[in-house]
C-alpha atoms as a PDB file:
ATOM      1  CA  MET A   1       2.693  -2.917 -11.045  1.00  0.00           C
ATOM      2  CA  ASP A   2       5.775  -4.389 -10.278  1.00  0.00           C
ATOM      3  CA  PRO A   3       7.988  -1.898  -8.048  1.00  0.00           C
ATOM      4  CA  ALA A   4      11.473  -2.531  -9.996  1.00  0.00           C
ATOM      5  CA  THR A   5      10.157  -2.594 -13.350  1.00  0.00           C
ATOM      6  CA  GLY A   6       7.248  -0.318 -13.491  1.00  0.00           C
ATOM      7  CA  ALA A   7       5.387  -3.234 -15.669  1.00  0.00           C
ATOM      8  CA  LEU A   8       1.494  -3.939 -14.761  1.00  0.00           C
ATOM      9  CA  ARG A   9       0.972  -7.292 -13.641  1.00  0.00           C
ATOM     10  CA  ASP A  10      -2.619  -7.293 -15.148  1.00  0.00           C
ATOM     11  CA  GLN A  11      -3.008 -10.779 -16.264  1.00  0.00           C
ATOM     12  CA  ASN A  12      -1.998 -12.679 -12.921  1.00  0.00           C
ATOM     13  CA  ARG A  13      -5.037 -13.692 -11.386  1.00  0.00           C
ATOM     14  CA  LEU A  14      -3.622 -13.542  -7.932  1.00  0.00           C
ATOM     15  CA  ASN A  15      -3.766 -10.209  -8.288  1.00  0.00           C
ATOM     16  CA  GLN A  16      -7.461  -9.968  -7.817  1.00  0.00           C
ATOM     17  CA  ILE A  17      -8.680  -7.993  -5.144  1.00  0.00           C
ATOM     18  CA  LEU A  18     -11.940  -7.128  -2.946  1.00  0.00           C
ATOM     19  CA  ILE A  19     -12.386  -3.739  -1.766  1.00  0.00           C
ATOM     20  CA  LEU A  20     -15.057  -2.883   0.692  1.00  0.00           C
ATOM     21  CA  SER A  21     -16.554   0.036   2.342  1.00  0.00           C
ATOM     22  CA  LEU A  22     -17.765  -1.148   5.874  1.00  0.00           C
ATOM     23  CA  ASP A  23     -20.849   0.491   7.298  1.00  0.00           C
ATOM     24  CA  SER A  24     -20.141   3.309   9.983  1.00  0.00           C
ATOM     25  CA  HIS A  25     -21.639   3.595  13.101  1.00  0.00           C
ATOM     26  CA  GLY A  26     -22.847   6.529  14.304  1.00  0.00           C
ATOM     27  CA  ALA A  27     -20.588   9.336  13.599  1.00  0.00           C
ATOM     28  CA  THR A  28     -17.742   7.171  12.533  1.00  0.00           C
ATOM     29  CA  PRO A  29     -17.114   7.387   8.662  1.00  0.00           C
ATOM     30  CA  ALA A  30     -17.103   4.234   6.776  1.00  0.00           C
ATOM     31  CA  LYS A  31     -14.045   2.044   6.914  1.00  0.00           C
ATOM     32  CA  VAL A  32     -12.308   1.143   3.502  1.00  0.00           C
ATOM     33  CA  VAL A  33     -10.739  -2.562   3.555  1.00  0.00           C
ATOM     34  CA  ALA A  34      -8.942  -3.935   0.750  1.00  0.00           C
ATOM     35  CA  PHE A  35      -8.240  -8.004   0.832  1.00  0.00           C
ATOM     36  CA  SER A  36      -6.902 -10.733  -1.914  1.00  0.00           C
ATOM     37  CA  ALA A  37     -10.052 -12.188  -3.324  1.00  0.00           C
ATOM     38  CA  ILE A  38      -7.975 -15.680  -3.423  1.00  0.00           C
ATOM     39  CA  CYS A  39      -9.050 -18.137  -0.981  1.00  0.00           C
ATOM     40  CA  THR A  40      -6.483 -19.123   1.461  1.00  0.00           C
ATOM     41  CA  HIS A  41      -7.614 -22.895   1.214  1.00  0.00           C
ATOM     42  CA  ALA A  42      -7.913 -23.991  -2.404  1.00  0.00           C
ATOM     43  CA  GLY A  43      -7.137 -20.535  -4.308  1.00  0.00           C
ATOM     44  CA  CYS A  44     -10.458 -20.436  -5.815  1.00  0.00           C
ATOM     45  CA  LEU A  45     -12.153 -16.828  -6.021  1.00  0.00           C
ATOM     46  CA  VAL A  46     -13.963 -15.586  -2.892  1.00  0.00           C
ATOM     47  CA  SER A  47     -16.987 -14.225  -4.741  1.00  0.00           C
ATOM     48  CA  ASN A  48     -20.073 -14.332  -2.405  1.00  0.00           C
ATOM     49  CA  TRP A  49     -21.152 -11.916   0.091  1.00  0.00           C
ATOM     50  CA  ILE A  50     -23.257 -12.913   2.953  1.00  0.00           C
ATOM     51  CA  ALA A  51     -25.576  -9.988   4.077  1.00  0.00           C
ATOM     52  CA  LEU A  52     -26.927 -11.526   7.377  1.00  0.00           C
ATOM     53  CA  THR A  53     -23.421 -11.782   8.771  1.00  0.00           C
ATOM     54  CA  HIS A  54     -21.531  -9.760   6.636  1.00  0.00           C
ATOM     55  CA  HIS A  55     -18.967 -12.363   5.743  1.00  0.00           C
ATOM     56  CA  LEU A  56     -17.060 -13.026   2.448  1.00  0.00           C
ATOM     57  CA  ARG A  57     -17.855 -16.560   1.491  1.00  0.00           C
ATOM     58  CA  CYS A  58     -15.384 -18.654  -0.899  1.00  0.00           C
ATOM     59  CA  PRO A  59     -17.976 -20.990  -3.159  1.00  0.00           C
ATOM     60  CA  CYS A  60     -15.360 -23.883  -3.707  1.00  0.00           C
ATOM     61  CA  HIS A  61     -15.375 -25.112   0.242  1.00  0.00           C
ATOM     62  CA  GLY A  62     -17.351 -22.829   2.158  1.00  0.00           C
ATOM     63  CA  SER A  63     -14.585 -20.760   3.837  1.00  0.00           C
ATOM     64  CA  GLU A  64     -15.763 -17.597   5.212  1.00  0.00           C
ATOM     65  CA  TYR A  65     -14.023 -14.710   6.192  1.00  0.00           C
ATOM     66  CA  ASP A  66     -14.863 -11.772   8.519  1.00  0.00           C
ATOM     67  CA  PRO A  67     -13.553  -8.348   6.474  1.00  0.00           C
ATOM     68  CA  ALA A  68     -14.248  -6.141   9.744  1.00  0.00           C
ATOM     69  CA  ASN A  69     -11.888  -7.893  11.576  1.00  0.00           C
ATOM     70  CA  GLY A  70      -8.677  -8.359   9.282  1.00  0.00           C
ATOM     71  CA  GLY A  71     -10.183 -10.943   6.715  1.00  0.00           C
ATOM     72  CA  VAL A  72     -10.004 -13.666   9.813  1.00  0.00           C
ATOM     73  CA  VAL A  73     -11.417 -16.981   9.036  1.00  0.00           C
ATOM     74  CA  VAL A  74     -14.755 -18.030  10.596  1.00  0.00           C
ATOM     75  CA  ALA A  75     -15.991 -20.801   9.115  1.00  0.00           C
ATOM     76  CA  GLY A  76     -14.243 -23.518   6.456  1.00  0.00           C
ATOM     77  CA  PRO A  77     -11.364 -25.395   6.052  1.00  0.00           C
ATOM     78  CA  ALA A  78      -9.111 -22.115   5.183  1.00  0.00           C
ATOM     79  CA  PRO A  79      -6.194 -22.039   7.196  1.00  0.00           C
ATOM     80  CA  GLN A  80      -5.164 -18.468   7.105  1.00  0.00           C
ATOM     81  CA  PRO A  81      -6.963 -15.041   6.713  1.00  0.00           C
ATOM     82  CA  LEU A  82      -7.323 -12.905   3.544  1.00  0.00           C
ATOM     83  CA  PRO A  83      -4.300 -11.342   2.906  1.00  0.00           C
ATOM     84  CA  SER A  84      -4.999  -7.486   3.287  1.00  0.00           C
ATOM     85  CA  LEU A  85      -3.842  -4.480   1.684  1.00  0.00           C
ATOM     86  CA  PRO A  86      -3.330  -1.370   3.156  1.00  0.00           C
ATOM     87  CA  VAL A  87      -5.168   1.788   1.606  1.00  0.00           C
ATOM     88  CA  ALA A  88      -5.361   5.179   1.692  1.00  0.00           C
ATOM     89  CA  ALA A  89      -7.898   7.911   0.580  1.00  0.00           C
ATOM     90  CA  SER A  90      -6.878  11.453  -1.020  1.00  0.00           C
ATOM     91  CA  ASN A  91      -9.466  13.839  -2.072  1.00  0.00           C
ATOM     92  CA  GLY A  92     -12.107  10.975  -2.230  1.00  0.00           C
ATOM     93  CA  VAL A  93      -9.953   8.543  -4.267  1.00  0.00           C
ATOM     94  CA  ILE A  94      -8.976   5.269  -2.703  1.00  0.00           C
ATOM     95  CA  THR A  95      -5.420   4.075  -3.662  1.00  0.00           C
ATOM     96  CA  ILE A  96      -3.582   0.707  -2.290  1.00  0.00           C
ATOM     97  CA  ALA A  97      -0.427   1.987  -0.553  1.00  0.00           C
ATOM     98  CA  GLY A  98       1.687  -1.037  -0.223  1.00  0.00           C
ATOM     99  CA  PRO A  99       1.822  -4.691  -0.566  1.00  0.00           C
ATOM    100  CA  PHE A 100      -0.099  -7.704   0.325  1.00  0.00           C
ATOM    101  CA  SER A 101       0.418  -8.842   4.074  1.00  0.00           C
ATOM    102  CA  ALA A 102       1.083 -12.369   2.962  1.00  0.00           C
ATOM    103  CA  ALA A 103       1.454 -14.020  -0.384  1.00  0.00           C
ATOM    104  CA  PRO A 104      -2.121 -14.314  -1.836  1.00  0.00           C
ATOM    105  CA  GLY A 105      -2.924 -17.784  -3.185  1.00  0.00           C
ATOM    106  CA  GLY A 106      -4.151 -21.208  -1.743  1.00  0.00           C
ATOM    107  CA  HIS A 107      -2.179 -23.420   0.901  1.00  0.00           C
ATOM    108  CA  THR A 108      -3.594 -27.000   0.315  1.00  0.00           C
ATOM    109  CA  SER A 109      -1.560 -29.772  -1.158  1.00  0.00           C
ATOM    110  CA  ARG A 110      -4.085 -29.720  -3.967  1.00  0.00           C
ATOM    111  CA  THR A 111      -2.889 -26.115  -4.930  1.00  0.00           C
ATOM    112  CA  THR A 112      -0.333 -25.935  -7.667  1.00  0.00           C
END
């Protein structure tokens, strides 16, 4: 939603997000994280989950991101981590609590 006008921006592909519940360890509750679903390399949709490594993968050029460590790039040509979103939980409902940490989208000369 645009904070100035209240208009929903649900038709913009850059608004696609990934919300993940990361496994808890021991008595620690699961951690919920949210990231842009748009690869920082060429703007493709990050749509693969690699269960063995617990990484997110972009199928276009093979960039991989580690959601447990702030969405940092762990493989491939992506130049930046996935932009993150702060999350809040109230009565079991997860909400987005602020803007992206950086502008979502690709950052190569091939990106328009």
